Amino acid sequence: MKVRLPSPLASYTAGRREVEADATSVAALLEDLDRRYPGIRFRMIDEQDRVRPHIRIFVNRQKASSLAQALDPGDEVLVVAALSGG
């Protein structure tokens, strides 16, 4: 399935903002991305297995309800990183 990533995570994917992954849930998707691009999962998920506060994950343009949300092969996943600063 197609996964679109924010610019801050492109350093893990050799600059690519759109990558492919295989998974049946959001959690499995993040594990697959981490297998392909080591370290990327930790930038999105904290030590308690929760999505970090500045990250939003959308499946087919709807916010993912949980990491357990099921995925289909044709789904499109968008990861958004909030901007912060002063």
PDB file of N, CA and C in Angstrom:
ATOM      1  N   MET A   1       0.831  -1.173   0.000  1.00  0.00           N
ATOM      2  CA  MET A   1       0.000   0.000   0.000  1.00  0.00           C
ATOM      3  C   MET A   1       0.880   1.243   0.000  1.00  0.00           C
ATOM      4  N   LYS A   2       0.297   2.333  -0.438  1.00  0.00           N
ATOM      5  CA  LYS A   2       1.032   3.585  -0.538  1.00  0.00           C
ATOM      6  C   LYS A   2       1.015   4.301   0.809  1.00  0.00           C
ATOM      7  N   VAL A   3       2.187   4.776   1.235  1.00  0.00           N
ATOM      8  CA  VAL A   3       2.317   5.517   2.487  1.00  0.00           C
ATOM      9  C   VAL A   3       3.006   6.839   2.163  1.00  0.00           C
ATOM     10  N   ARG A   4       2.368   7.924   2.538  1.00  0.00           N
ATOM     11  CA  ARG A   4       2.953   9.258   2.338  1.00  0.00           C
ATOM     12  C   ARG A   4       3.443   9.772   3.674  1.00  0.00           C
ATOM     13  N   LEU A   5       4.676  10.280   3.665  1.00  0.00           N
ATOM     14  CA  LEU A   5       5.334  10.702   4.898  1.00  0.00           C
ATOM     15  C   LEU A   5       5.630  12.191   4.879  1.00  0.00           C
ATOM     16  N   PRO A   6       5.693  12.811   6.063  1.00  0.00           N
ATOM     17  CA  PRO A   6       6.059  14.232   6.126  1.00  0.00           C
ATOM     18  C   PRO A   6       7.553  14.412   5.899  1.00  0.00           C
ATOM     19  N   SER A   7       7.938  15.596   5.521  1.00  0.00           N
ATOM     20  CA  SER A   7       9.349  15.907   5.254  1.00  0.00           C
ATOM     21  C   SER A   7      10.288  15.509   6.390  1.00  0.00           C
ATOM     22  N   PRO A   8       9.927  15.749   7.678  1.00  0.00           N
ATOM     23  CA  PRO A   8      10.863  15.388   8.748  1.00  0.00           C
ATOM     24  C   PRO A   8      11.227  13.902   8.796  1.00  0.00           C
ATOM     25  N   LEU A   9      10.388  13.022   8.230  1.00  0.00           N
ATOM     26  CA  LEU A   9      10.692  11.589   8.253  1.00  0.00           C
ATOM     27  C   LEU A   9      11.398  11.119   6.990  1.00  0.00           C
ATOM     28  N   ALA A  10      11.521  11.982   6.007  1.00  0.00           N
ATOM     29  CA  ALA A  10      12.154  11.602   4.742  1.00  0.00           C
ATOM     30  C   ALA A  10      13.638  11.274   4.907  1.00  0.00           C
ATOM     31  N   SER A  11      14.242  11.736   5.972  1.00  0.00           N
ATOM     32  CA  SER A  11      15.658  11.402   6.199  1.00  0.00           C
ATOM     33  C   SER A  11      15.837   9.899   6.439  1.00  0.00           C
ATOM     34  N   TYR A  12      14.779   9.207   6.858  1.00  0.00           N
ATOM     35  CA  TYR A  12      14.843   7.762   7.076  1.00  0.00           C
ATOM     36  C   TYR A  12      14.641   6.974   5.783  1.00  0.00           C
ATOM     37  N   THR A  13      14.057   7.623   4.768  1.00  0.00           N
ATOM     38  CA  THR A  13      13.692   6.930   3.532  1.00  0.00           C
ATOM     39  C   THR A  13      14.488   7.438   2.334  1.00  0.00           C
ATOM     40  N   ALA A  14      15.689   7.898   2.568  1.00  0.00           N
ATOM     41  CA  ALA A  14      16.566   8.425   1.507  1.00  0.00           C
ATOM     42  C   ALA A  14      15.880   9.552   0.739  1.00  0.00           C
ATOM     43  N   GLY A  15      15.115  10.376   1.458  1.00  0.00           N
ATOM     44  CA  GLY A  15      14.488  11.535   0.856  1.00  0.00           C
ATOM     45  C   GLY A  15      13.140  11.284   0.210  1.00  0.00           C
ATOM     46  N   ARG A  16      12.707  10.037   0.195  1.00  0.00           N
ATOM     47  CA  ARG A  16      11.419   9.713  -0.432  1.00  0.00           C
ATOM     48  C   ARG A  16      10.272  10.034   0.525  1.00  0.00           C
ATOM     49  N   ARG A  17       9.260  10.734   0.030  1.00  0.00           N
ATOM     50  CA  ARG A  17       8.099  11.074   0.847  1.00  0.00           C
ATOM     51  C   ARG A  17       6.931  10.147   0.586  1.00  0.00           C
ATOM     52  N   GLU A  18       7.068   9.281  -0.402  1.00  0.00           N
ATOM     53  CA  GLU A  18       6.050   8.279  -0.682  1.00  0.00           C
ATOM     54  C   GLU A  18       6.739   6.925  -0.798  1.00  0.00           C
ATOM     55  N   VAL A  19       6.297   5.977   0.025  1.00  0.00           N
ATOM     56  CA  VAL A  19       6.908   4.653   0.051  1.00  0.00           C
ATOM     57  C   VAL A  19       5.807   3.601   0.015  1.00  0.00           C
ATOM     58  N   GLU A  20       6.193   2.359  -0.166  1.00  0.00           N
ATOM     59  CA  GLU A  20       5.262   1.229  -0.163  1.00  0.00           C
ATOM     60  C   GLU A  20       5.455   0.429   1.124  1.00  0.00           C
ATOM     61  N   ALA A  21       4.370  -0.197   1.576  1.00  0.00           N
ATOM     62  CA  ALA A  21       4.442  -1.059   2.761  1.00  0.00           C
ATOM     63  C   ALA A  21       3.385  -2.146   2.628  1.00  0.00           C
ATOM     64  N   ASP A  22       3.569  -3.225   3.379  1.00  0.00           N
ATOM     65  CA  ASP A  22       2.617  -4.335   3.422  1.00  0.00           C
ATOM     66  C   ASP A  22       2.193  -4.537   4.868  1.00  0.00           C
ATOM     67  N   ALA A  23       0.868  -4.469   5.121  1.00  0.00           N
ATOM     68  CA  ALA A  23       0.389  -4.652   6.493  1.00  0.00           C
ATOM     69  C   ALA A  23      -1.113  -4.848   6.492  1.00  0.00           C
ATOM     70  N   THR A  24      -1.603  -5.444   7.588  1.00  0.00           N
ATOM     71  CA  THR A  24      -3.043  -5.635   7.743  1.00  0.00           C
ATOM     72  C   THR A  24      -3.613  -4.750   8.850  1.00  0.00           C
ATOM     73  N   SER A  25      -2.746  -3.971   9.520  1.00  0.00           N
ATOM     74  CA  SER A  25      -3.197  -3.021  10.548  1.00  0.00           C
ATOM     75  C   SER A  25      -2.217  -1.856  10.575  1.00  0.00           C
ATOM     76  N   VAL A  26      -2.628  -0.784  11.222  1.00  0.00           N
ATOM     77  CA  VAL A  26      -1.748   0.381  11.339  1.00  0.00           C
ATOM     78  C   VAL A  26      -0.481  -0.007  12.117  1.00  0.00           C
ATOM     79  N   ALA A  27      -0.630  -0.773  13.194  1.00  0.00           N
ATOM     80  CA  ALA A  27       0.530  -1.194  13.979  1.00  0.00           C
ATOM     81  C   ALA A  27       1.496  -2.015  13.127  1.00  0.00           C
ATOM     82  N   ALA A  28       0.960  -2.944  12.347  1.00  0.00           N
ATOM     83  CA  ALA A  28       1.804  -3.771  11.480  1.00  0.00           C
ATOM     84  C   ALA A  28       2.458  -2.926  10.390  1.00  0.00           C
ATOM     85  N   LEU A  29       1.764  -1.906   9.923  1.00  0.00           N
ATOM     86  CA  LEU A  29       2.331  -0.996   8.935  1.00  0.00           C
ATOM     87  C   LEU A  29       3.561  -0.297   9.496  1.00  0.00           C
ATOM     88  N   LEU A  30       3.452   0.194  10.730  1.00  0.00           N
ATOM     89  CA  LEU A  30       4.578   0.889  11.345  1.00  0.00           C
ATOM     90  C   LEU A  30       5.760  -0.059  11.565  1.00  0.00           C
ATOM     91  N   GLU A  31       5.475  -1.306  11.897  1.00  0.00           N
ATOM     92  CA  GLU A  31       6.538  -2.296  12.055  1.00  0.00           C
ATOM     93  C   GLU A  31       7.195  -2.595  10.713  1.00  0.00           C
ATOM     94  N   ASP A  32       6.390  -2.692   9.647  1.00  0.00           N
ATOM     95  CA  ASP A  32       6.944  -2.939   8.316  1.00  0.00           C
ATOM     96  C   ASP A  32       7.802  -1.764   7.861  1.00  0.00           C
ATOM     97  N   LEU A  33       7.332  -0.549   8.107  1.00  0.00           N
ATOM     98  CA  LEU A  33       8.140   0.624   7.755  1.00  0.00           C
ATOM     99  C   LEU A  33       9.463   0.624   8.519  1.00  0.00           C
ATOM    100  N   ASP A  34       9.406   0.240   9.802  1.00  0.00           N
ATOM    101  CA  ASP A  34      10.633   0.222  10.606  1.00  0.00           C
ATOM    102  C   ASP A  34      11.600  -0.857  10.133  1.00  0.00           C
ATOM    103  N   ARG A  35      11.059  -1.958   9.634  1.00  0.00           N
ATOM    104  CA  ARG A  35      11.922  -3.016   9.083  1.00  0.00           C
ATOM    105  C   ARG A  35      12.624  -2.496   7.831  1.00  0.00           C
ATOM    106  N   ARG A  36      11.884  -1.768   7.004  1.00  0.00           N
ATOM    107  CA  ARG A  36      12.445  -1.238   5.762  1.00  0.00           C
ATOM    108  C   ARG A  36      13.323  -0.001   5.993  1.00  0.00           C
ATOM    109  N   TYR A  37      12.933   0.800   6.988  1.00  0.00           N
ATOM    110  CA  TYR A  37      13.612   2.078   7.265  1.00  0.00           C
ATOM    111  C   TYR A  37      13.869   2.171   8.772  1.00  0.00           C
ATOM    112  N   PRO A  38      14.929   1.512   9.253  1.00  0.00           N
ATOM    113  CA  PRO A  38      15.184   1.430  10.693  1.00  0.00           C
ATOM    114  C   PRO A  38      15.154   2.787  11.393  1.00  0.00           C
ATOM    115  N   GLY A  39      14.426   2.811  12.522  1.00  0.00           N
ATOM    116  CA  GLY A  39      14.342   4.009  13.353  1.00  0.00           C
ATOM    117  C   GLY A  39      13.124   4.872  13.091  1.00  0.00           C
ATOM    118  N   ILE A  40      12.429   4.657  11.979  1.00  0.00           N
ATOM    119  CA  ILE A  40      11.314   5.535  11.635  1.00  0.00           C
ATOM    120  C   ILE A  40      10.128   5.364  12.592  1.00  0.00           C
ATOM    121  N   ARG A  41       9.872   4.147  13.062  1.00  0.00           N
ATOM    122  CA  ARG A  41       8.734   3.909  13.954  1.00  0.00           C
ATOM    123  C   ARG A  41       8.860   4.710  15.239  1.00  0.00           C
ATOM    124  N   PHE A  42      10.058   4.770  15.799  1.00  0.00           N
ATOM    125  CA  PHE A  42      10.266   5.490  17.061  1.00  0.00           C
ATOM    126  C   PHE A  42       9.966   6.975  16.910  1.00  0.00           C
ATOM    127  N   ARG A  43      10.096   7.518  15.731  1.00  0.00           N
ATOM    128  CA  ARG A  43       9.781   8.931  15.498  1.00  0.00           C
ATOM    129  C   ARG A  43       8.270   9.173  15.500  1.00  0.00           C
ATOM    130  N   MET A  44       7.482   8.088  15.358  1.00  0.00           N
ATOM    131  CA  MET A  44       6.022   8.224  15.318  1.00  0.00           C
ATOM    132  C   MET A  44       5.331   7.661  16.550  1.00  0.00           C
ATOM    133  N   ILE A  45       5.945   6.657  17.184  1.00  0.00           N
ATOM    134  CA  ILE A  45       5.345   5.939  18.315  1.00  0.00           C
ATOM    135  C   ILE A  45       6.259   6.049  19.537  1.00  0.00           C
ATOM    136  N   ASP A  46       5.671   6.343  20.706  1.00  0.00           N
ATOM    137  CA  ASP A  46       6.487   6.499  21.906  1.00  0.00           C
ATOM    138  C   ASP A  46       6.740   5.155  22.602  1.00  0.00           C
ATOM    139  N   GLU A  47       7.384   5.210  23.761  1.00  0.00           N
ATOM    140  CA  GLU A  47       7.762   4.011  24.497  1.00  0.00           C
ATOM    141  C   GLU A  47       6.555   3.254  25.062  1.00  0.00           C
ATOM    142  N   GLN A  48       5.401   3.910  25.153  1.00  0.00           N
ATOM    143  CA  GLN A  48       4.180   3.275  25.639  1.00  0.00           C
ATOM    144  C   GLN A  48       3.308   2.773  24.483  1.00  0.00           C
ATOM    145  N   ASP A  49       3.866   2.704  23.295  1.00  0.00           N
ATOM    146  CA  ASP A  49       3.156   2.266  22.090  1.00  0.00           C
ATOM    147  C   ASP A  49       1.961   3.144  21.751  1.00  0.00           C
ATOM    148  N   ARG A  50       2.130   4.453  21.944  1.00  0.00           N
ATOM    149  CA  ARG A  50       1.101   5.423  21.576  1.00  0.00           C
ATOM    150  C   ARG A  50       1.665   6.337  20.496  1.00  0.00           C
ATOM    151  N   VAL A  51       0.775   6.799  19.633  1.00  0.00           N
ATOM    152  CA  VAL A  51       1.193   7.748  18.601  1.00  0.00           C
ATOM    153  C   VAL A  51       1.663   9.014  19.298  1.00  0.00           C
ATOM    154  N   ARG A  52       2.820   9.512  18.894  1.00  0.00           N
ATOM    155  CA  ARG A  52       3.359  10.725  19.503  1.00  0.00           C
ATOM    156  C   ARG A  52       2.385  11.891  19.288  1.00  0.00           C
ATOM    157  N   PRO A  53       2.347  12.847  20.236  1.00  0.00           N
ATOM    158  CA  PRO A  53       1.367  13.946  20.170  1.00  0.00           C
ATOM    159  C   PRO A  53       1.424  14.780  18.887  1.00  0.00           C
ATOM    160  N   HIS A  54       2.575  14.885  18.270  1.00  0.00           N
ATOM    161  CA  HIS A  54       2.704  15.729  17.078  1.00  0.00           C
ATOM    162  C   HIS A  54       2.462  14.967  15.768  1.00  0.00           C
ATOM    163  N   ILE A  55       2.100  13.693  15.871  1.00  0.00           N
ATOM    164  CA  ILE A  55       1.890  12.857  14.680  1.00  0.00           C
ATOM    165  C   ILE A  55       0.403  12.513  14.538  1.00  0.00           C
ATOM    166  N   ARG A  56      -0.089  12.575  13.317  1.00  0.00           N
ATOM    167  CA  ARG A  56      -1.443  12.124  12.986  1.00  0.00           C
ATOM    168  C   ARG A  56      -1.329  11.126  11.840  1.00  0.00           C
ATOM    169  N   ILE A  57      -2.105  10.055  11.910  1.00  0.00           N
ATOM    170  CA  ILE A  57      -2.098   9.028  10.867  1.00  0.00           C
ATOM    171  C   ILE A  57      -3.503   8.948  10.278  1.00  0.00           C
ATOM    172  N   PHE A  58      -3.575   9.059   8.961  1.00  0.00           N
ATOM    173  CA  PHE A  58      -4.848   9.013   8.253  1.00  0.00           C
ATOM    174  C   PHE A  58      -4.851   7.817   7.300  1.00  0.00           C
ATOM    175  N   VAL A  59      -5.984   7.135   7.239  1.00  0.00           N
ATOM    176  CA  VAL A  59      -6.178   6.024   6.311  1.00  0.00           C
ATOM    177  C   VAL A  59      -7.318   6.431   5.380  1.00  0.00           C
ATOM    178  N   ASN A  60      -7.008   6.504   4.102  1.00  0.00           N
ATOM    179  CA  ASN A  60      -8.011   6.929   3.115  1.00  0.00           C
ATOM    180  C   ASN A  60      -8.674   8.245   3.524  1.00  0.00           C
ATOM    181  N   ARG A  61      -7.841   9.188   3.975  1.00  0.00           N
ATOM    182  CA  ARG A  61      -8.244  10.556   4.338  1.00  0.00           C
ATOM    183  C   ARG A  61      -9.078  10.653   5.612  1.00  0.00           C
ATOM    184  N   GLN A  62      -9.141   9.581   6.393  1.00  0.00           N
ATOM    185  CA  GLN A  62      -9.843   9.627   7.675  1.00  0.00           C
ATOM    186  C   GLN A  62      -8.850   9.271   8.773  1.00  0.00           C
ATOM    187  N   LYS A  63      -8.912  10.022   9.879  1.00  0.00           N
ATOM    188  CA  LYS A  63      -7.971   9.786  10.969  1.00  0.00           C
ATOM    189  C   LYS A  63      -8.094   8.349  11.464  1.00  0.00           C
ATOM    190  N   ALA A  64      -6.949   7.695  11.608  1.00  0.00           N
ATOM    191  CA  ALA A  64      -6.928   6.313  12.105  1.00  0.00           C
ATOM    192  C   ALA A  64      -7.486   6.291  13.521  1.00  0.00           C
ATOM    193  N   SER A  65      -8.379   5.365  13.781  1.00  0.00           N
ATOM    194  CA  SER A  65      -9.023   5.283  15.092  1.00  0.00           C
ATOM    195  C   SER A  65      -8.094   4.711  16.161  1.00  0.00           C
ATOM    196  N   SER A  66      -7.189   3.835  15.755  1.00  0.00           N
ATOM    197  CA  SER A  66      -6.234   3.234  16.698  1.00  0.00           C
ATOM    198  C   SER A  66      -5.145   2.525  15.899  1.00  0.00           C
ATOM    199  N   LEU A  67      -4.133   2.059  16.606  1.00  0.00           N
ATOM    200  CA  LEU A  67      -3.074   1.292  15.951  1.00  0.00           C
ATOM    201  C   LEU A  67      -3.588  -0.063  15.490  1.00  0.00           C
ATOM    202  N   ALA A  68      -4.687  -0.523  16.075  1.00  0.00           N
ATOM    203  CA  ALA A  68      -5.259  -1.814  15.699  1.00  0.00           C
ATOM    204  C   ALA A  68      -6.157  -1.723  14.463  1.00  0.00           C
ATOM    205  N   GLN A  69      -6.364  -0.523  13.944  1.00  0.00           N
ATOM    206  CA  GLN A  69      -7.247  -0.366  12.790  1.00  0.00           C
ATOM    207  C   GLN A  69      -6.777  -1.231  11.631  1.00  0.00           C
ATOM    208  N   ALA A  70      -7.711  -1.957  11.051  1.00  0.00           N
ATOM    209  CA  ALA A  70      -7.393  -2.846   9.930  1.00  0.00           C
ATOM    210  C   ALA A  70      -7.099  -2.043   8.663  1.00  0.00           C
ATOM    211  N   LEU A  71      -6.220  -2.601   7.844  1.00  0.00           N
ATOM    212  CA  LEU A  71      -5.860  -2.004   6.562  1.00  0.00           C
ATOM    213  C   LEU A  71      -6.083  -3.013   5.450  1.00  0.00           C
ATOM    214  N   ASP A  72      -6.429  -2.507   4.279  1.00  0.00           N
ATOM    215  CA  ASP A  72      -6.556  -3.318   3.077  1.00  0.00           C
ATOM    216  C   ASP A  72      -5.416  -2.966   2.132  1.00  0.00           C
ATOM    217  N   PRO A  73      -5.024  -3.871   1.236  1.00  0.00           N
ATOM    218  CA  PRO A  73      -3.885  -3.613   0.336  1.00  0.00           C
ATOM    219  C   PRO A  73      -4.007  -2.337  -0.492  1.00  0.00           C
ATOM    220  N   GLY A  74      -5.210  -1.918  -0.844  1.00  0.00           N
ATOM    221  CA  GLY A  74      -5.377  -0.725  -1.664  1.00  0.00           C
ATOM    222  C   GLY A  74      -5.493   0.570  -0.885  1.00  0.00           C
ATOM    223  N   ASP A  75      -5.386   0.506   0.443  1.00  0.00           N
ATOM    224  CA  ASP A  75      -5.515   1.715   1.259  1.00  0.00           C
ATOM    225  C   ASP A  75      -4.349   2.668   1.033  1.00  0.00           C
ATOM    226  N   GLU A  76      -4.614   3.936   1.286  1.00  0.00           N
ATOM    227  CA  GLU A  76      -3.571   4.955   1.239  1.00  0.00           C
ATOM    228  C   GLU A  76      -3.428   5.523   2.641  1.00  0.00           C
ATOM    229  N   VAL A  77      -2.210   5.534   3.137  1.00  0.00           N
ATOM    230  CA  VAL A  77      -1.934   6.010   4.489  1.00  0.00           C
ATOM    231  C   VAL A  77      -1.129   7.300   4.387  1.00  0.00           C
ATOM    232  N   LEU A  78      -1.558   8.279   5.158  1.00  0.00           N
ATOM    233  CA  LEU A  78      -0.881   9.571   5.208  1.00  0.00           C
ATOM    234  C   LEU A  78      -0.442   9.825   6.635  1.00  0.00           C
ATOM    235  N   VAL A  79       0.820  10.111   6.820  1.00  0.00           N
ATOM    236  CA  VAL A  79       1.359  10.469   8.136  1.00  0.00           C
ATOM    237  C   VAL A  79       1.630  11.962   8.102  1.00  0.00           C
ATOM    238  N   VAL A  80       1.086  12.679   9.092  1.00  0.00           N
ATOM    239  CA  VAL A  80       1.237  14.124   9.166  1.00  0.00           C
ATOM    240  C   VAL A  80       1.956  14.464  10.464  1.00  0.00           C
ATOM    241  N   ALA A  81       2.924  15.360  10.360  1.00  0.00           N
ATOM    242  CA  ALA A  81       3.633  15.849  11.546  1.00  0.00           C
ATOM    243  C   ALA A  81       3.251  17.313  11.763  1.00  0.00           C
ATOM    244  N   ALA A  82       2.776  17.617  12.970  1.00  0.00           N
ATOM    245  CA  ALA A  82       2.394  18.989  13.300  1.00  0.00           C
ATOM    246  C   ALA A  82       3.637  19.858  13.409  1.00  0.00           C
ATOM    247  N   LEU A  83       3.485  21.087  13.038  1.00  0.00           N
ATOM    248  CA  LEU A  83       4.571  22.059  13.168  1.00  0.00           C
ATOM    249  C   LEU A  83       4.448  22.731  14.522  1.00  0.00           C
ATOM    250  N   SER A  84       5.582  23.085  15.091  1.00  0.00           N
ATOM    251  CA  SER A  84       5.569  23.802  16.365  1.00  0.00           C
ATOM    252  C   SER A  84       6.683  24.835  16.352  1.00  0.00           C
ATOM    253  N   GLY A  85       6.618  25.672  17.290  1.00  0.00           N
ATOM    254  CA  GLY A  85       7.647  26.703  17.374  1.00  0.00           C
ATOM    255  C   GLY A  85       7.059  27.988  17.919  1.00  0.00           C
ATOM    256  N   GLY A  86       7.879  28.999  17.987  1.00  0.00           N
ATOM    257  CA  GLY A  86       7.395  30.249  18.569  1.00  0.00           C
ATOM    258  C   GLY A  86       7.649  31.425  17.717  1.00  0.00           C
TER     259      GLY A  86
END
